[in-house]
Amino acid sequence: MTHRFLNRKETMLIAAIDLLDRSGIQGLTAREIARVEGLTEAAVYKHFKGKKEILEAIIRRFASYDEKIGSTMRQQVMTEEQGLIYYAQTYAANYQGYPQLVTLLFSFDVYRYDPQLKALMQDTMEKRRNSLTRFILQCRSEGRGSGTMEPDLLSDMVLGGILKSAYYWKLTDCTTDFKGDVLRTVGILLERNRCTAHGGGAGAE
């Protein structure tokens, strides 16, 4: 990853994310960030008051992609299927380009025992789900929908498919076809969504 045009606080944050990925929560310390960045611990504390503030910044960095993706989907007036495929492709590309962020998805020890961090992560995930559900509802209200599967259920299944693929990808040291797996999963969901719109639901003959 290139740090050339980033400010000092940003490079520290990237170093912190890398440390969390390599060493877990116990390995994420101001001393280690300082060592990686070639600084003193005092320089780290100049930008971050402590580990909790670093973790808050990491979670916010994790959530920073959401609004950009949602904005693109709205501005380009995508159909329901186009939007869901774009959503899946974009998240797969983001995670594939920055696999350290995937670690945060499954690092429950980072926020499980801190109510503030837990609330921040929960809010991030709920906003992600709600934004996708609103997009599906808007598509259907404007005649750009393609199915009748419950929007919140479809959102959960798309997000769950991305999480499943991300988990397995990291578990195999990023050696599987992450993007391909995500798109196959979403493709199956979209096919099922189309079937419900044409009377092909469970039990249909």
C-alpha atoms as a PDB file:
ATOM      1  CA  MET A   1       0.000   0.000   0.000  1.00  0.00           C
ATOM      2  CA  THR A   2       1.337   3.447  -0.951  1.00  0.00           C
ATOM      3  CA  HIS A   3       1.674   6.001   1.869  1.00  0.00           C
ATOM      4  CA  ARG A   4       3.426   8.707  -0.140  1.00  0.00           C
ATOM      5  CA  PHE A   5       0.601  11.233  -0.220  1.00  0.00           C
ATOM      6  CA  LEU A   6      -0.969  10.381   3.145  1.00  0.00           C
ATOM      7  CA  ASN A   7      -0.654  12.447   6.302  1.00  0.00           C
ATOM      8  CA  ARG A   8       0.978  11.097   9.433  1.00  0.00           C
ATOM      9  CA  LYS A   9      -2.269  10.257  11.232  1.00  0.00           C
ATOM     10  CA  GLU A  10      -3.473   8.295   8.213  1.00  0.00           C
ATOM     11  CA  THR A  11      -0.267   6.272   7.950  1.00  0.00           C
ATOM     12  CA  MET A  12      -0.511   5.496  11.674  1.00  0.00           C
ATOM     13  CA  LEU A  13      -4.053   4.259  11.159  1.00  0.00           C
ATOM     14  CA  ILE A  14      -2.959   2.023   8.288  1.00  0.00           C
ATOM     15  CA  ALA A  15      -0.153   0.671  10.468  1.00  0.00           C
ATOM     16  CA  ALA A  16      -2.699  -0.007  13.228  1.00  0.00           C
ATOM     17  CA  ILE A  17      -4.984  -1.926  10.848  1.00  0.00           C
ATOM     18  CA  ASP A  18      -2.026  -3.982   9.633  1.00  0.00           C
ATOM     19  CA  LEU A  19      -1.006  -4.759  13.218  1.00  0.00           C
ATOM     20  CA  LEU A  20      -4.538  -5.800  14.125  1.00  0.00           C
ATOM     21  CA  ASP A  21      -4.553  -8.131  11.140  1.00  0.00           C
ATOM     22  CA  ARG A  22      -1.146  -9.659  11.901  1.00  0.00           C
ATOM     23  CA  SER A  23      -1.098  -9.759  15.688  1.00  0.00           C
ATOM     24  CA  GLY A  24      -4.656  -9.334  16.940  1.00  0.00           C
ATOM     25  CA  ILE A  25      -5.879  -6.906  19.566  1.00  0.00           C
ATOM     26  CA  GLN A  26      -3.021  -7.714  21.947  1.00  0.00           C
ATOM     27  CA  GLY A  27      -0.443  -6.763  19.330  1.00  0.00           C
ATOM     28  CA  LEU A  28      -2.055  -3.408  18.616  1.00  0.00           C
ATOM     29  CA  THR A  29      -0.133  -0.994  20.851  1.00  0.00           C
ATOM     30  CA  ALA A  30       1.198   2.537  20.579  1.00  0.00           C
ATOM     31  CA  ARG A  31       4.696   1.108  20.959  1.00  0.00           C
ATOM     32  CA  GLU A  32       4.247  -1.190  17.958  1.00  0.00           C
ATOM     33  CA  ILE A  33       2.704   1.564  15.835  1.00  0.00           C
ATOM     34  CA  ALA A  34       5.645   3.795  16.732  1.00  0.00           C
ATOM     35  CA  ARG A  35       8.110   1.044  15.852  1.00  0.00           C
ATOM     36  CA  VAL A  36       6.500   0.405  12.458  1.00  0.00           C
ATOM     37  CA  GLU A  37       6.335   4.109  11.663  1.00  0.00           C
ATOM     38  CA  GLY A  38       9.803   4.901  12.995  1.00  0.00           C
ATOM     39  CA  LEU A  39       8.440   7.307  15.601  1.00  0.00           C
ATOM     40  CA  THR A  40       8.300   7.742  19.346  1.00  0.00           C
ATOM     41  CA  GLU A  41       5.273   6.634  21.369  1.00  0.00           C
ATOM     42  CA  ALA A  42       4.726  10.297  22.233  1.00  0.00           C
ATOM     43  CA  ALA A  43       4.227  11.033  18.537  1.00  0.00           C
ATOM     44  CA  VAL A  44       1.507   8.376  18.357  1.00  0.00           C
ATOM     45  CA  TYR A  45      -0.260   9.790  21.407  1.00  0.00           C
ATOM     46  CA  LYS A  46      -0.184  13.208  19.777  1.00  0.00           C
ATOM     47  CA  HIS A  47      -2.727  11.891  17.259  1.00  0.00           C
ATOM     48  CA  PHE A  48      -4.538   9.196  19.262  1.00  0.00           C
ATOM     49  CA  LYS A  49      -5.278   9.347  22.994  1.00  0.00           C
ATOM     50  CA  GLY A  50      -5.114   5.569  23.358  1.00  0.00           C
ATOM     51  CA  LYS A  51      -6.053   2.176  21.964  1.00  0.00           C
ATOM     52  CA  LYS A  52      -9.791   2.823  22.147  1.00  0.00           C
ATOM     53  CA  GLU A  53      -9.505   5.936  19.983  1.00  0.00           C
ATOM     54  CA  ILE A  54      -7.387   3.993  17.486  1.00  0.00           C
ATOM     55  CA  LEU A  55     -10.015   1.261  17.336  1.00  0.00           C
ATOM     56  CA  GLU A  56     -12.784   3.832  16.835  1.00  0.00           C
ATOM     57  CA  ALA A  57     -10.829   5.271  13.909  1.00  0.00           C
ATOM     58  CA  ILE A  58     -10.370   1.789  12.418  1.00  0.00           C
ATOM     59  CA  ILE A  59     -14.114   1.078  12.601  1.00  0.00           C
ATOM     60  CA  ARG A  60     -14.905   4.438  11.011  1.00  0.00           C
ATOM     61  CA  ARG A  61     -12.398   3.669   8.278  1.00  0.00           C
ATOM     62  CA  PHE A  62     -14.146   0.330   7.782  1.00  0.00           C
ATOM     63  CA  ALA A  63     -17.484   2.166   7.382  1.00  0.00           C
ATOM     64  CA  SER A  64     -16.145   4.889   5.091  1.00  0.00           C
ATOM     65  CA  TYR A  65     -16.878   2.923   1.902  1.00  0.00           C
ATOM     66  CA  ASP A  66     -20.594   2.613   2.590  1.00  0.00           C
ATOM     67  CA  GLU A  67     -21.752   6.109   1.670  1.00  0.00           C
ATOM     68  CA  LYS A  68     -19.628   6.184  -1.497  1.00  0.00           C
ATOM     69  CA  ILE A  69     -21.134   2.915  -2.710  1.00  0.00           C
ATOM     70  CA  GLY A  70     -24.696   3.958  -1.857  1.00  0.00           C
ATOM     71  CA  SER A  71     -24.231   7.340  -3.526  1.00  0.00           C
ATOM     72  CA  THR A  72     -23.019   5.724  -6.758  1.00  0.00           C
ATOM     73  CA  MET A  73     -25.975   3.333  -6.802  1.00  0.00           C
ATOM     74  CA  ARG A  74     -28.407   6.241  -6.415  1.00  0.00           C
ATOM     75  CA  GLN A  75     -26.729   8.614  -8.876  1.00  0.00           C
ATOM     76  CA  GLN A  76     -26.515   6.051 -11.660  1.00  0.00           C
ATOM     77  CA  VAL A  77     -30.189   5.081 -11.239  1.00  0.00           C
ATOM     78  CA  MET A  78     -29.448   1.356 -11.272  1.00  0.00           C
ATOM     79  CA  THR A  79     -32.033  -1.382 -11.443  1.00  0.00           C
ATOM     80  CA  GLU A  80     -32.417  -3.659  -8.450  1.00  0.00           C
ATOM     81  CA  GLU A  81     -30.211  -6.355  -9.987  1.00  0.00           C
ATOM     82  CA  GLN A  82     -27.618  -3.914 -11.320  1.00  0.00           C
ATOM     83  CA  GLY A  83     -27.344  -2.295  -7.899  1.00  0.00           C
ATOM     84  CA  LEU A  84     -26.978  -5.555  -5.988  1.00  0.00           C
ATOM     85  CA  ILE A  85     -24.344  -6.844  -8.409  1.00  0.00           C
ATOM     86  CA  TYR A  86     -22.478  -3.527  -8.235  1.00  0.00           C
ATOM     87  CA  TYR A  87     -22.701  -3.618  -4.442  1.00  0.00           C
ATOM     88  CA  ALA A  88     -21.278  -7.131  -4.277  1.00  0.00           C
ATOM     89  CA  GLN A  89     -18.544  -6.427  -6.843  1.00  0.00           C
ATOM     90  CA  THR A  90     -17.461  -3.231  -5.125  1.00  0.00           C
ATOM     91  CA  TYR A  91     -17.241  -4.727  -1.642  1.00  0.00           C
ATOM     92  CA  ALA A  92     -15.378  -7.736  -3.000  1.00  0.00           C
ATOM     93  CA  ALA A  93     -12.909  -5.427  -4.760  1.00  0.00           C
ATOM     94  CA  ASN A  94     -12.470  -3.260  -1.648  1.00  0.00           C
ATOM     95  CA  TYR A  95     -11.807  -6.213   0.625  1.00  0.00           C
ATOM     96  CA  GLN A  96      -9.627  -7.949  -1.919  1.00  0.00           C
ATOM     97  CA  GLY A  97      -7.521  -4.807  -2.260  1.00  0.00           C
ATOM     98  CA  TYR A  98      -7.362  -4.269   1.493  1.00  0.00           C
ATOM     99  CA  PRO A  99      -7.755  -7.701   3.137  1.00  0.00           C
ATOM    100  CA  GLN A 100      -6.709  -6.342   6.525  1.00  0.00           C
ATOM    101  CA  LEU A 101     -10.160  -4.760   6.859  1.00  0.00           C
ATOM    102  CA  VAL A 102     -11.802  -8.180   6.637  1.00  0.00           C
ATOM    103  CA  THR A 103     -10.118  -9.051   9.931  1.00  0.00           C
ATOM    104  CA  LEU A 104     -12.230  -6.401  11.657  1.00  0.00           C
ATOM    105  CA  LEU A 105     -15.441  -8.149  10.599  1.00  0.00           C
ATOM    106  CA  PHE A 106     -14.555 -11.169  12.709  1.00  0.00           C
ATOM    107  CA  SER A 107     -12.478  -9.590  15.492  1.00  0.00           C
ATOM    108  CA  PHE A 108     -15.223  -9.720  18.098  1.00  0.00           C
ATOM    109  CA  ASP A 109     -12.701  -9.263  20.892  1.00  0.00           C
ATOM    110  CA  VAL A 110     -12.051  -5.758  19.530  1.00  0.00           C
ATOM    111  CA  TYR A 111     -15.489  -4.432  20.424  1.00  0.00           C
ATOM    112  CA  ARG A 112     -17.357  -7.146  22.302  1.00  0.00           C
ATOM    113  CA  TYR A 113     -16.369  -5.948  25.771  1.00  0.00           C
ATOM    114  CA  ASP A 114     -16.531  -2.206  25.122  1.00  0.00           C
ATOM    115  CA  PRO A 115     -20.119  -0.865  24.878  1.00  0.00           C
ATOM    116  CA  GLN A 116     -19.088   2.214  22.905  1.00  0.00           C
ATOM    117  CA  LEU A 117     -17.080   0.305  20.313  1.00  0.00           C
ATOM    118  CA  LYS A 118     -19.766  -2.380  20.110  1.00  0.00           C
ATOM    119  CA  ALA A 119     -22.443   0.272  19.504  1.00  0.00           C
ATOM    120  CA  LEU A 120     -20.304   1.896  16.800  1.00  0.00           C
ATOM    121  CA  MET A 121     -19.785  -1.403  14.967  1.00  0.00           C
ATOM    122  CA  GLN A 122     -23.433  -2.375  15.353  1.00  0.00           C
ATOM    123  CA  ASP A 123     -24.528   1.005  14.003  1.00  0.00           C
ATOM    124  CA  THR A 124     -22.191   0.576  11.028  1.00  0.00           C
ATOM    125  CA  MET A 125     -23.632  -2.825  10.138  1.00  0.00           C
ATOM    126  CA  GLU A 126     -27.246  -1.707  10.646  1.00  0.00           C
ATOM    127  CA  LYS A 127     -26.727   1.329   8.416  1.00  0.00           C
ATOM    128  CA  ARG A 128     -25.244  -0.943   5.765  1.00  0.00           C
ATOM    129  CA  ARG A 129     -28.288  -3.238   5.897  1.00  0.00           C
ATOM    130  CA  ASN A 130     -30.818  -0.392   6.005  1.00  0.00           C
ATOM    131  CA  SER A 131     -29.187   1.415   3.078  1.00  0.00           C
ATOM    132  CA  LEU A 132     -29.391  -1.700   0.909  1.00  0.00           C
ATOM    133  CA  THR A 133     -32.997  -2.334   1.931  1.00  0.00           C
ATOM    134  CA  ARG A 134     -33.970   1.262   1.073  1.00  0.00           C
ATOM    135  CA  PHE A 135     -32.334   0.902  -2.327  1.00  0.00           C
ATOM    136  CA  ILE A 136     -34.373  -2.234  -3.092  1.00  0.00           C
ATOM    137  CA  LEU A 137     -37.598  -0.564  -1.932  1.00  0.00           C
ATOM    138  CA  GLN A 138     -36.901   2.514  -4.048  1.00  0.00           C
ATOM    139  CA  CYS A 139     -36.198   0.381  -7.131  1.00  0.00           C
ATOM    140  CA  ARG A 140     -39.487  -1.437  -6.725  1.00  0.00           C
ATOM    141  CA  SER A 141     -41.486   1.730  -6.137  1.00  0.00           C
ATOM    142  CA  GLU A 142     -40.011   3.268  -9.304  1.00  0.00           C
ATOM    143  CA  GLY A 143     -40.453   0.203 -11.516  1.00  0.00           C
ATOM    144  CA  ARG A 144     -36.791  -0.837 -11.460  1.00  0.00           C
ATOM    145  CA  GLY A 145     -37.337  -3.896  -9.280  1.00  0.00           C
ATOM    146  CA  SER A 146     -37.023  -7.481 -10.411  1.00  0.00           C
ATOM    147  CA  GLY A 147     -38.454  -9.636  -7.640  1.00  0.00           C
ATOM    148  CA  THR A 148     -40.763  -9.918  -4.667  1.00  0.00           C
ATOM    149  CA  MET A 149     -38.459 -11.362  -2.046  1.00  0.00           C
ATOM    150  CA  GLU A 150     -38.785  -9.310   1.139  1.00  0.00           C
ATOM    151  CA  PRO A 151     -36.291  -6.404   0.818  1.00  0.00           C
ATOM    152  CA  ASP A 152     -34.870  -6.828   4.312  1.00  0.00           C
ATOM    153  CA  LEU A 153     -34.465 -10.576   3.767  1.00  0.00           C
ATOM    154  CA  LEU A 154     -32.770 -10.032   0.407  1.00  0.00           C
ATOM    155  CA  SER A 155     -30.450  -7.450   1.986  1.00  0.00           C
ATOM    156  CA  ASP A 156     -29.545  -9.859   4.776  1.00  0.00           C
ATOM    157  CA  MET A 157     -28.829 -12.645   2.305  1.00  0.00           C
ATOM    158  CA  VAL A 158     -26.622 -10.465   0.096  1.00  0.00           C
ATOM    159  CA  LEU A 159     -24.672  -9.171   3.099  1.00  0.00           C
ATOM    160  CA  GLY A 160     -24.489 -12.669   4.551  1.00  0.00           C
ATOM    161  CA  GLY A 161     -23.126 -14.001   1.276  1.00  0.00           C
ATOM    162  CA  ILE A 162     -20.373 -11.384   1.256  1.00  0.00           C
ATOM    163  CA  LEU A 163     -19.490 -12.161   4.893  1.00  0.00           C
ATOM    164  CA  LYS A 164     -19.429 -15.908   4.242  1.00  0.00           C
ATOM    165  CA  SER A 165     -17.103 -15.478   1.283  1.00  0.00           C
ATOM    166  CA  ALA A 166     -14.877 -13.039   3.195  1.00  0.00           C
ATOM    167  CA  TYR A 167     -14.581 -15.411   6.145  1.00  0.00           C
ATOM    168  CA  TYR A 168     -13.597 -18.385   4.014  1.00  0.00           C
ATOM    169  CA  TRP A 169     -11.218 -16.246   1.951  1.00  0.00           C
ATOM    170  CA  LYS A 170      -9.319 -15.099   5.045  1.00  0.00           C
ATOM    171  CA  LEU A 171      -9.439 -18.584   6.543  1.00  0.00           C
ATOM    172  CA  THR A 172      -7.600 -19.876   3.457  1.00  0.00           C
ATOM    173  CA  ASP A 173      -5.019 -17.056   3.596  1.00  0.00           C
ATOM    174  CA  CYS A 174      -6.702 -15.235   0.707  1.00  0.00           C
ATOM    175  CA  THR A 175      -6.048 -18.051  -1.760  1.00  0.00           C
ATOM    176  CA  THR A 176      -9.642 -18.660  -2.906  1.00  0.00           C
ATOM    177  CA  ASP A 177     -11.537 -16.762  -5.612  1.00  0.00           C
ATOM    178  CA  PHE A 178     -13.206 -14.299  -3.264  1.00  0.00           C
ATOM    179  CA  LYS A 179     -14.816 -12.051  -5.881  1.00  0.00           C
ATOM    180  CA  GLY A 180     -15.988 -15.039  -7.922  1.00  0.00           C
ATOM    181  CA  ASP A 181     -17.506 -16.656  -4.847  1.00  0.00           C
ATOM    182  CA  VAL A 182     -19.353 -13.450  -3.913  1.00  0.00           C
ATOM    183  CA  LEU A 183     -20.766 -13.019  -7.410  1.00  0.00           C
ATOM    184  CA  ARG A 184     -21.850 -16.648  -7.644  1.00  0.00           C
ATOM    185  CA  THR A 185     -23.685 -16.327  -4.336  1.00  0.00           C
ATOM    186  CA  VAL A 186     -25.404 -13.083  -5.333  1.00  0.00           C
ATOM    187  CA  GLY A 187     -26.255 -14.559  -8.729  1.00  0.00           C
ATOM    188  CA  ILE A 188     -28.097 -17.441  -7.050  1.00  0.00           C
ATOM    189  CA  LEU A 189     -29.965 -14.990  -4.821  1.00  0.00           C
ATOM    190  CA  LEU A 190     -30.996 -12.851  -7.780  1.00  0.00           C
ATOM    191  CA  GLU A 191     -32.218 -15.912  -9.659  1.00  0.00           C
ATOM    192  CA  ARG A 192     -34.281 -16.893  -6.645  1.00  0.00           C
ATOM    193  CA  ASN A 193     -35.581 -13.334  -6.394  1.00  0.00           C
ATOM    194  CA  ARG A 194     -36.705 -13.455 -10.036  1.00  0.00           C
ATOM    195  CA  CYS A 195     -38.402 -16.800  -9.448  1.00  0.00           C
ATOM    196  CA  THR A 196     -40.529 -15.352  -6.655  1.00  0.00           C
ATOM    197  CA  ALA A 197     -41.649 -12.590  -9.014  1.00  0.00           C
ATOM    198  CA  HIS A 198     -42.846 -15.158 -11.563  1.00  0.00           C
ATOM    199  CA  GLY A 199     -44.584 -17.551  -9.214  1.00  0.00           C
ATOM    200  CA  GLY A 200     -41.617 -19.854  -8.741  1.00  0.00           C
ATOM    201  CA  GLY A 201     -41.584 -19.815  -4.985  1.00  0.00           C
ATOM    202  CA  ALA A 202     -41.067 -22.778  -2.698  1.00  0.00           C
ATOM    203  CA  GLY A 203     -43.530 -25.524  -3.394  1.00  0.00           C
ATOM    204  CA  ALA A 204     -44.421 -24.244  -6.875  1.00  0.00           C
ATOM    205  CA  GLU A 205     -45.087 -26.929  -9.485  1.00  0.00           C
END
